[in-house]
PDB file of N, CA and C in Angstrom:
ATOM      1  N   MET A   1     -44.533 -10.859  13.176  1.00  0.00           N
ATOM      2  CA  MET A   1     -44.357  -9.457  12.875  1.00  0.00           C
ATOM      3  C   MET A   1     -43.645  -9.336  11.526  1.00  0.00           C
ATOM      4  N   ASN A   2     -44.089  -8.451  10.711  1.00  0.00           N
ATOM      5  CA  ASN A   2     -43.534  -8.264   9.376  1.00  0.00           C
ATOM      6  C   ASN A   2     -42.313  -7.343   9.453  1.00  0.00           C
ATOM      7  N   ASP A   3     -41.225  -7.726   8.741  1.00  0.00           N
ATOM      8  CA  ASP A   3     -40.012  -6.899   8.742  1.00  0.00           C
ATOM      9  C   ASP A   3     -40.232  -5.571   8.032  1.00  0.00           C
ATOM     10  N   GLN A   4     -41.213  -5.508   7.177  1.00  0.00           N
ATOM     11  CA  GLN A   4     -41.467  -4.290   6.417  1.00  0.00           C
ATOM     12  C   GLN A   4     -42.048  -3.174   7.285  1.00  0.00           C
ATOM     13  N   THR A   5     -42.507  -3.494   8.462  1.00  0.00           N
ATOM     14  CA  THR A   5     -43.101  -2.458   9.309  1.00  0.00           C
ATOM     15  C   THR A   5     -42.047  -1.491   9.837  1.00  0.00           C
ATOM     16  N   PHE A   6     -40.799  -1.909   9.898  1.00  0.00           N
ATOM     17  CA  PHE A   6     -39.745  -1.040  10.406  1.00  0.00           C
ATOM     18  C   PHE A   6     -39.151  -0.145   9.330  1.00  0.00           C
ATOM     19  N   VAL A   7     -39.420  -0.456   8.072  1.00  0.00           N
ATOM     20  CA  VAL A   7     -38.880   0.329   6.966  1.00  0.00           C
ATOM     21  C   VAL A   7     -39.927   1.350   6.544  1.00  0.00           C
ATOM     22  N   THR A   8     -39.522   2.611   6.495  1.00  0.00           N
ATOM     23  CA  THR A   8     -40.438   3.663   6.077  1.00  0.00           C
ATOM     24  C   THR A   8     -40.357   3.798   4.564  1.00  0.00           C
ATOM     25  N   HIS A   9     -41.478   3.890   3.940  1.00  0.00           N
ATOM     26  CA  HIS A   9     -41.518   4.027   2.490  1.00  0.00           C
ATOM     27  C   HIS A   9     -40.928   5.387   2.110  1.00  0.00           C
ATOM     28  N   PRO A  10     -40.114   5.444   1.036  1.00  0.00           N
ATOM     29  CA  PRO A  10     -39.473   6.719   0.674  1.00  0.00           C
ATOM     30  C   PRO A  10     -40.450   7.845   0.396  1.00  0.00           C
ATOM     31  N   ASN A  11     -41.656   7.542  -0.077  1.00  0.00           N
ATOM     32  CA  ASN A  11     -42.629   8.604  -0.341  1.00  0.00           C
ATOM     33  C   ASN A  11     -43.131   9.254   0.938  1.00  0.00           C
ATOM     34  N   LYS A  12     -43.010   8.583   2.072  1.00  0.00           N
ATOM     35  CA  LYS A  12     -43.496   9.121   3.340  1.00  0.00           C
ATOM     36  C   LYS A  12     -42.433   9.920   4.090  1.00  0.00           C
ATOM     37  N   LEU A  13     -41.190   9.916   3.598  1.00  0.00           N
ATOM     38  CA  LEU A  13     -40.127  10.660   4.269  1.00  0.00           C
ATOM     39  C   LEU A  13     -40.144  12.115   3.827  1.00  0.00           C
ATOM     40  N   SER A  14     -39.686  12.981   4.704  1.00  0.00           N
ATOM     41  CA  SER A  14     -39.634  14.393   4.361  1.00  0.00           C
ATOM     42  C   SER A  14     -38.451  14.660   3.434  1.00  0.00           C
ATOM     43  N   ARG A  15     -38.510  15.785   2.774  1.00  0.00           N
ATOM     44  CA  ARG A  15     -37.441  16.160   1.845  1.00  0.00           C
ATOM     45  C   ARG A  15     -36.116  16.337   2.592  1.00  0.00           C
ATOM     46  N   ALA A  16     -36.174  16.870   3.797  1.00  0.00           N
ATOM     47  CA  ALA A  16     -34.950  17.071   4.591  1.00  0.00           C
ATOM     48  C   ALA A  16     -34.320  15.733   4.968  1.00  0.00           C
ATOM     49  N   THR A  17     -35.142  14.729   5.291  1.00  0.00           N
ATOM     50  CA  THR A  17     -34.617  13.411   5.631  1.00  0.00           C
ATOM     51  C   THR A  17     -33.970  12.759   4.430  1.00  0.00           C
ATOM     52  N   LEU A  18     -34.646  12.873   3.275  1.00  0.00           N
ATOM     53  CA  LEU A  18     -34.071  12.310   2.054  1.00  0.00           C
ATOM     54  C   LEU A  18     -32.756  13.007   1.697  1.00  0.00           C
ATOM     55  N   GLN A  19     -32.705  14.332   1.866  1.00  0.00           N
ATOM     56  CA  GLN A  19     -31.473  15.073   1.572  1.00  0.00           C
ATOM     57  C   GLN A  19     -30.354  14.671   2.529  1.00  0.00           C
ATOM     58  N   ALA A  20     -30.702  14.448   3.789  1.00  0.00           N
ATOM     59  CA  ALA A  20     -29.694  14.021   4.767  1.00  0.00           C
ATOM     60  C   ALA A  20     -29.158  12.641   4.419  1.00  0.00           C
ATOM     61  N   ARG A  21     -30.038  11.744   3.999  1.00  0.00           N
ATOM     62  CA  ARG A  21     -29.589  10.403   3.600  1.00  0.00           C
ATOM     63  C   ARG A  21     -28.708  10.484   2.357  1.00  0.00           C
ATOM     64  N   TYR A  22     -29.102  11.330   1.412  1.00  0.00           N
ATOM     65  CA  TYR A  22     -28.307  11.513   0.195  1.00  0.00           C
ATOM     66  C   TYR A  22     -26.928  12.066   0.534  1.00  0.00           C
ATOM     67  N   ASP A  23     -26.882  13.075   1.393  1.00  0.00           N
ATOM     68  CA  ASP A  23     -25.594  13.659   1.799  1.00  0.00           C
ATOM     69  C   ASP A  23     -24.722  12.638   2.506  1.00  0.00           C
ATOM     70  N   ALA A  24     -25.320  11.815   3.350  1.00  0.00           N
ATOM     71  CA  ALA A  24     -24.545  10.786   4.055  1.00  0.00           C
ATOM     72  C   ALA A  24     -23.998   9.755   3.063  1.00  0.00           C
ATOM     73  N   ALA A  25     -24.797   9.386   2.081  1.00  0.00           N
ATOM     74  CA  ALA A  25     -24.338   8.425   1.072  1.00  0.00           C
ATOM     75  C   ALA A  25     -23.207   9.019   0.240  1.00  0.00           C
ATOM     76  N   MET A  26     -23.329  10.284  -0.157  1.00  0.00           N
ATOM     77  CA  MET A  26     -22.277  10.928  -0.941  1.00  0.00           C
ATOM     78  C   MET A  26     -20.991  11.069  -0.125  1.00  0.00           C
ATOM     79  N   ALA A  27     -21.117  11.379   1.159  1.00  0.00           N
ATOM     80  CA  ALA A  27     -19.932  11.475   2.022  1.00  0.00           C
ATOM     81  C   ALA A  27     -19.246  10.118   2.135  1.00  0.00           C
ATOM     82  N   SER A  28     -20.036   9.060   2.217  1.00  0.00           N
ATOM     83  CA  SER A  28     -19.466   7.715   2.281  1.00  0.00           C
ATOM     84  C   SER A  28     -18.727   7.366   0.996  1.00  0.00           C
ATOM     85  N   ILE A  29     -19.320   7.735  -0.135  1.00  0.00           N
ATOM     86  CA  ILE A  29     -18.665   7.481  -1.425  1.00  0.00           C
ATOM     87  C   ILE A  29     -17.370   8.268  -1.529  1.00  0.00           C
ATOM     88  N   GLN A  30     -17.382   9.522  -1.133  1.00  0.00           N
ATOM     89  CA  GLN A  30     -16.174  10.346  -1.190  1.00  0.00           C
ATOM     90  C   GLN A  30     -15.093   9.815  -0.256  1.00  0.00           C
ATOM     91  N   GLN A  31     -15.492   9.319   0.907  1.00  0.00           N
ATOM     92  CA  GLN A  31     -14.514   8.742   1.834  1.00  0.00           C
ATOM     93  C   GLN A  31     -13.876   7.505   1.224  1.00  0.00           C
ATOM     94  N   GLU A  32     -14.662   6.675   0.567  1.00  0.00           N
ATOM     95  CA  GLU A  32     -14.120   5.484  -0.087  1.00  0.00           C
ATOM     96  C   GLU A  32     -13.171   5.871  -1.219  1.00  0.00           C
ATOM     97  N   GLN A  33     -13.509   6.915  -1.961  1.00  0.00           N
ATOM     98  CA  GLN A  33     -12.624   7.396  -3.031  1.00  0.00           C
ATOM     99  C   GLN A  33     -11.313   7.916  -2.456  1.00  0.00           C
ATOM    100  N   ARG A  34     -11.367   8.604  -1.318  1.00  0.00           N
ATOM    101  CA  ARG A  34     -10.140   9.102  -0.686  1.00  0.00           C
ATOM    102  C   ARG A  34      -9.253   7.946  -0.220  1.00  0.00           C
ATOM    103  N   LYS A  35      -9.877   6.883   0.296  1.00  0.00           N
ATOM    104  CA  LYS A  35      -9.098   5.716   0.715  1.00  0.00           C
ATOM    105  C   LYS A  35      -8.397   5.080  -0.469  1.00  0.00           C
ATOM    106  N   ARG A  36      -9.109   4.941  -1.579  1.00  0.00           N
ATOM    107  CA  ARG A  36      -8.498   4.359  -2.779  1.00  0.00           C
ATOM    108  C   ARG A  36      -7.393   5.249  -3.319  1.00  0.00           C
ATOM    109  N   GLU A  37      -7.600   6.551  -3.275  1.00  0.00           N
ATOM    110  CA  GLU A  37      -6.588   7.481  -3.755  1.00  0.00           C
ATOM    111  C   GLU A  37      -5.342   7.412  -2.877  1.00  0.00           C
ATOM    112  N   ALA A  38      -5.534   7.314  -1.571  1.00  0.00           N
ATOM    113  CA  ALA A  38      -4.392   7.202  -0.658  1.00  0.00           C
ATOM    114  C   ALA A  38      -3.627   5.904  -0.915  1.00  0.00           C
ATOM    115  N   ALA A  39      -4.344   4.826  -1.175  1.00  0.00           N
ATOM    116  CA  ALA A  39      -3.674   3.566  -1.486  1.00  0.00           C
ATOM    117  C   ALA A  39      -2.892   3.693  -2.781  1.00  0.00           C
ATOM    118  N   GLY A  40      -3.430   4.409  -3.748  1.00  0.00           N
ATOM    119  CA  GLY A  40      -2.715   4.630  -5.006  1.00  0.00           C
ATOM    120  C   GLY A  40      -1.443   5.427  -4.795  1.00  0.00           C
ATOM    121  N   TYR A  41      -1.506   6.447  -3.939  1.00  0.00           N
ATOM    122  CA  TYR A  41      -0.301   7.225  -3.643  1.00  0.00           C
ATOM    123  C   TYR A  41       0.744   6.375  -2.930  1.00  0.00           C
ATOM    124  N   ALA A  42       0.301   5.495  -2.044  1.00  0.00           N
ATOM    125  CA  ALA A  42       1.245   4.628  -1.335  1.00  0.00           C
ATOM    126  C   ALA A  42       1.940   3.677  -2.312  1.00  0.00           C
ATOM    127  N   ILE A  43       1.192   3.120  -3.249  1.00  0.00           N
ATOM    128  CA  ILE A  43       1.793   2.219  -4.234  1.00  0.00           C
ATOM    129  C   ILE A  43       2.743   2.991  -5.132  1.00  0.00           C
ATOM    130  N   GLY A  44       2.359   4.200  -5.516  1.00  0.00           N
ATOM    131  CA  GLY A  44       3.244   5.028  -6.337  1.00  0.00           C
ATOM    132  C   GLY A  44       4.543   5.362  -5.615  1.00  0.00           C
ATOM    133  N   ALA A  45       4.439   5.670  -4.329  1.00  0.00           N
ATOM    134  CA  ALA A  45       5.646   5.961  -3.550  1.00  0.00           C
ATOM    135  C   ALA A  45       6.541   4.735  -3.450  1.00  0.00           C
ATOM    136  N   MET A  46       5.929   3.550  -3.325  1.00  0.00           N
ATOM    137  CA  MET A  46       6.720   2.322  -3.269  1.00  0.00           C
ATOM    138  C   MET A  46       7.479   2.118  -4.580  1.00  0.00           C
ATOM    139  N   PHE A  47       6.795   2.351  -5.712  1.00  0.00           N
ATOM    140  CA  PHE A  47       7.469   2.193  -6.998  1.00  0.00           C
ATOM    141  C   PHE A  47       8.573   3.225  -7.178  1.00  0.00           C
ATOM    142  N   ASN A  48       8.387   4.437  -6.637  1.00  0.00           N
ATOM    143  CA  ASN A  48       9.447   5.441  -6.705  1.00  0.00           C
ATOM    144  C   ASN A  48      10.668   4.993  -5.901  1.00  0.00           C
ATOM    145  N   GLN A  49      10.449   4.343  -4.755  1.00  0.00           N
ATOM    146  CA  GLN A  49      11.571   3.849  -3.961  1.00  0.00           C
ATOM    147  C   GLN A  49      12.290   2.716  -4.687  1.00  0.00           C
ATOM    148  N   ILE A  50      11.548   1.869  -5.372  1.00  0.00           N
ATOM    149  CA  ILE A  50      12.179   0.800  -6.146  1.00  0.00           C
ATOM    150  C   ILE A  50      13.014   1.395  -7.267  1.00  0.00           C
ATOM    151  N   ALA A  51      12.481   2.431  -7.919  1.00  0.00           N
ATOM    152  CA  ALA A  51      13.233   3.083  -8.990  1.00  0.00           C
ATOM    153  C   ALA A  51      14.496   3.735  -8.432  1.00  0.00           C
ATOM    154  N   ALA A  52      14.403   4.312  -7.239  1.00  0.00           N
ATOM    155  CA  ALA A  52      15.576   4.928  -6.627  1.00  0.00           C
ATOM    156  C   ALA A  52      16.607   3.873  -6.249  1.00  0.00           C
ATOM    157  N   ALA A  53      16.152   2.701  -5.874  1.00  0.00           N
ATOM    158  CA  ALA A  53      17.083   1.637  -5.492  1.00  0.00           C
ATOM    159  C   ALA A  53      17.831   1.092  -6.699  1.00  0.00           C
ATOM    160  N   THR A  54      17.227   1.180  -7.868  1.00  0.00           N
ATOM    161  CA  THR A  54      17.909   0.671  -9.060  1.00  0.00           C
ATOM    162  C   THR A  54      18.852   1.697  -9.664  1.00  0.00           C
ATOM    163  N   ASP A  55      18.766   2.943  -9.250  1.00  0.00           N
ATOM    164  CA  ASP A  55      19.676   3.973  -9.747  1.00  0.00           C
ATOM    165  C   ASP A  55      20.952   3.946  -8.911  1.00  0.00           C
ATOM    166  N   PRO A  56      22.088   3.565  -9.486  1.00  0.00           N
ATOM    167  CA  PRO A  56      23.316   3.435  -8.692  1.00  0.00           C
ATOM    168  C   PRO A  56      23.864   4.758  -8.161  1.00  0.00           C
ATOM    169  N   LYS A  57      23.369   5.884  -8.658  1.00  0.00           N
ATOM    170  CA  LYS A  57      23.887   7.176  -8.205  1.00  0.00           C
ATOM    171  C   LYS A  57      23.193   7.674  -6.940  1.00  0.00           C
ATOM    172  N   SER A  58      22.058   7.097  -6.591  1.00  0.00           N
ATOM    173  CA  SER A  58      21.355   7.540  -5.389  1.00  0.00           C
ATOM    174  C   SER A  58      21.939   6.847  -4.157  1.00  0.00           C
ATOM    175  N   SER A  59      21.669   7.393  -2.988  1.00  0.00           N
ATOM    176  CA  SER A  59      22.207   6.806  -1.756  1.00  0.00           C
ATOM    177  C   SER A  59      21.591   5.434  -1.490  1.00  0.00           C
ATOM    178  N   LEU A  60      20.320   5.282  -1.796  1.00  0.00           N
ATOM    179  CA  LEU A  60      19.683   3.981  -1.623  1.00  0.00           C
ATOM    180  C   LEU A  60      20.249   2.973  -2.616  1.00  0.00           C
ATOM    181  N   GLY A  61      20.540   3.453  -3.832  1.00  0.00           N
ATOM    182  CA  GLY A  61      21.156   2.584  -4.830  1.00  0.00           C
ATOM    183  C   GLY A  61      22.560   2.160  -4.420  1.00  0.00           C
ATOM    184  N   CYS A  62      23.317   3.078  -3.810  1.00  0.00           N
ATOM    185  CA  CYS A  62      24.661   2.732  -3.331  1.00  0.00           C
ATOM    186  C   CYS A  62      24.584   1.684  -2.226  1.00  0.00           C
ATOM    187  N   ALA A  63      23.618   1.819  -1.339  1.00  0.00           N
ATOM    188  CA  ALA A  63      23.452   0.840  -0.269  1.00  0.00           C
ATOM    189  C   ALA A  63      23.067  -0.519  -0.843  1.00  0.00           C
ATOM    190  N   ALA A  64      22.217  -0.516  -1.858  1.00  0.00           N
ATOM    191  CA  ALA A  64      21.831  -1.778  -2.483  1.00  0.00           C
ATOM    192  C   ALA A  64      23.021  -2.424  -3.168  1.00  0.00           C
ATOM    193  N   CYS A  65      23.841  -1.622  -3.849  1.00  0.00           N
ATOM    194  CA  CYS A  65      25.041  -2.166  -4.512  1.00  0.00           C
ATOM    195  C   CYS A  65      26.026  -2.709  -3.482  1.00  0.00           C
ATOM    196  N   ALA A  66      26.176  -2.010  -2.368  1.00  0.00           N
ATOM    197  CA  ALA A  66      27.085  -2.482  -1.325  1.00  0.00           C
ATOM    198  C   ALA A  66      26.587  -3.792  -0.726  1.00  0.00           C
ATOM    199  N   ALA A  67      25.283  -3.912  -0.537  1.00  0.00           N
ATOM    200  CA  ALA A  67      24.722  -5.152  -0.002  1.00  0.00           C
ATOM    201  C   ALA A  67      24.926  -6.305  -0.977  1.00  0.00           C
ATOM    202  N   LYS A  68      24.753  -6.042  -2.259  1.00  0.00           N
ATOM    203  CA  LYS A  68      24.974  -7.083  -3.268  1.00  0.00           C
ATOM    204  C   LYS A  68      26.450  -7.493  -3.296  1.00  0.00           C
ATOM    205  N   ALA A  69      27.343  -6.511  -3.188  1.00  0.00           N
ATOM    206  CA  ALA A  69      28.774  -6.820  -3.196  1.00  0.00           C
ATOM    207  C   ALA A  69      29.150  -7.646  -1.969  1.00  0.00           C
ATOM    208  N   PHE A  70      28.589  -7.314  -0.812  1.00  0.00           N
ATOM    209  CA  PHE A  70      28.864  -8.079   0.399  1.00  0.00           C
ATOM    210  C   PHE A  70      28.374  -9.510   0.250  1.00  0.00           C
ATOM    211  N   CYS A  71      27.180  -9.699  -0.294  1.00  0.00           N
ATOM    212  CA  CYS A  71      26.638 -11.050  -0.482  1.00  0.00           C
ATOM    213  C   CYS A  71      27.496 -11.849  -1.452  1.00  0.00           C
ATOM    214  N   ALA A  72      27.931 -11.203  -2.524  1.00  0.00           N
ATOM    215  CA  ALA A  72      28.779 -11.901  -3.488  1.00  0.00           C
ATOM    216  C   ALA A  72      30.120 -12.266  -2.863  1.00  0.00           C
ATOM    217  N   LEU A  73      30.699 -11.363  -2.109  1.00  0.00           N
ATOM    218  CA  LEU A  73      31.969 -11.641  -1.445  1.00  0.00           C
ATOM    219  C   LEU A  73      31.820 -12.777  -0.442  1.00  0.00           C
ATOM    220  N   PHE A  74      30.739 -12.781   0.327  1.00  0.00           N
ATOM    221  CA  PHE A  74      30.504 -13.846   1.292  1.00  0.00           C
ATOM    222  C   PHE A  74      30.297 -15.182   0.591  1.00  0.00           C
ATOM    223  N   ALA A  75      29.579 -15.163  -0.546  1.00  0.00           N
ATOM    224  CA  ALA A  75      29.324 -16.407  -1.285  1.00  0.00           C
ATOM    225  C   ALA A  75      30.608 -16.997  -1.838  1.00  0.00           C
ATOM    226  N   VAL A  76      31.581 -16.164  -2.129  1.00  0.00           N
ATOM    227  CA  VAL A  76      32.865 -16.660  -2.653  1.00  0.00           C
ATOM    228  C   VAL A  76      33.806 -17.005  -1.504  1.00  0.00           C
ATOM    229  N   ALA A  77      33.870 -16.148  -0.500  1.00  0.00           N
ATOM    230  CA  ALA A  77      34.872 -16.313   0.555  1.00  0.00           C
ATOM    231  C   ALA A  77      34.512 -17.397   1.563  1.00  0.00           C
ATOM    232  N   ALA A  78      33.256 -17.582   1.866  1.00  0.00           N
ATOM    233  CA  ALA A  78      32.862 -18.554   2.891  1.00  0.00           C
ATOM    234  C   ALA A  78      33.269 -19.987   2.526  1.00  0.00           C
ATOM    235  N   PRO A  79      32.985 -20.476   1.319  1.00  0.00           N
ATOM    236  CA  PRO A  79      33.421 -21.839   1.002  1.00  0.00           C
ATOM    237  C   PRO A  79      34.941 -21.997   0.993  1.00  0.00           C
ATOM    238  N   ILE A  80      35.628 -20.959   0.525  1.00  0.00           N
ATOM    239  CA  ILE A  80      37.099 -21.016   0.522  1.00  0.00           C
ATOM    240  C   ILE A  80      37.618 -21.112   1.949  1.00  0.00           C
ATOM    241  N   TYR A  81      37.050 -20.327   2.860  1.00  0.00           N
ATOM    242  CA  TYR A  81      37.472 -20.354   4.254  1.00  0.00           C
ATOM    243  C   TYR A  81      37.207 -21.717   4.888  1.00  0.00           C
ATOM    244  N   PHE A  82      36.025 -22.270   4.653  1.00  0.00           N
ATOM    245  CA  PHE A  82      35.709 -23.577   5.240  1.00  0.00           C
ATOM    246  C   PHE A  82      36.585 -24.688   4.665  1.00  0.00           C
ATOM    247  N   LEU A  83      36.871 -24.629   3.382  1.00  0.00           N
ATOM    248  CA  LEU A  83      37.781 -25.621   2.782  1.00  0.00           C
ATOM    249  C   LEU A  83      39.196 -25.466   3.345  1.00  0.00           C
ATOM    250  N   TRP A  84      39.644 -24.250   3.534  1.00  0.00           N
ATOM    251  CA  TRP A  84      40.978 -24.004   4.086  1.00  0.00           C
ATOM    252  C   TRP A  84      41.064 -24.520   5.516  1.00  0.00           C
ATOM    253  N   GLN A  85      39.968 -24.391   6.308  1.00  0.00           N
ATOM    254  CA  GLN A  85      39.947 -24.893   7.666  1.00  0.00           C
ATOM    255  C   GLN A  85      39.994 -26.427   7.692  1.00  0.00           C
ATOM    256  N   MET A  86      39.396 -27.058   6.709  1.00  0.00           N
ATOM    257  CA  MET A  86      39.382 -28.520   6.667  1.00  0.00           C
ATOM    258  C   MET A  86      40.733 -29.093   6.253  1.00  0.00           C
ATOM    259  N   VAL A  87      41.509 -28.355   5.507  1.00  0.00           N
ATOM    260  CA  VAL A  87      42.807 -28.859   5.021  1.00  0.00           C
ATOM    261  C   VAL A  87      43.889 -28.632   6.024  1.00  0.00           C
TER     262      VAL A  87
END
């Protein structure tokens, strides 16, 4: 059996069928564009959060500075404490 028997030649399709196929293809393209646009907005929002984290005046920036200060304090205090315990 030939695979071409299941495919209808475009010249034999009605105008309404061709228009429906065209509309479905355009809807698919628009849906793909919306997905890409949404991904772009998500990446933009992520970069805005990174920018907010680097600004020390924002609440997220204050939390980041506090976390850095805690890590620095732990990095200095932990070895001193362990050495003091050994002596």
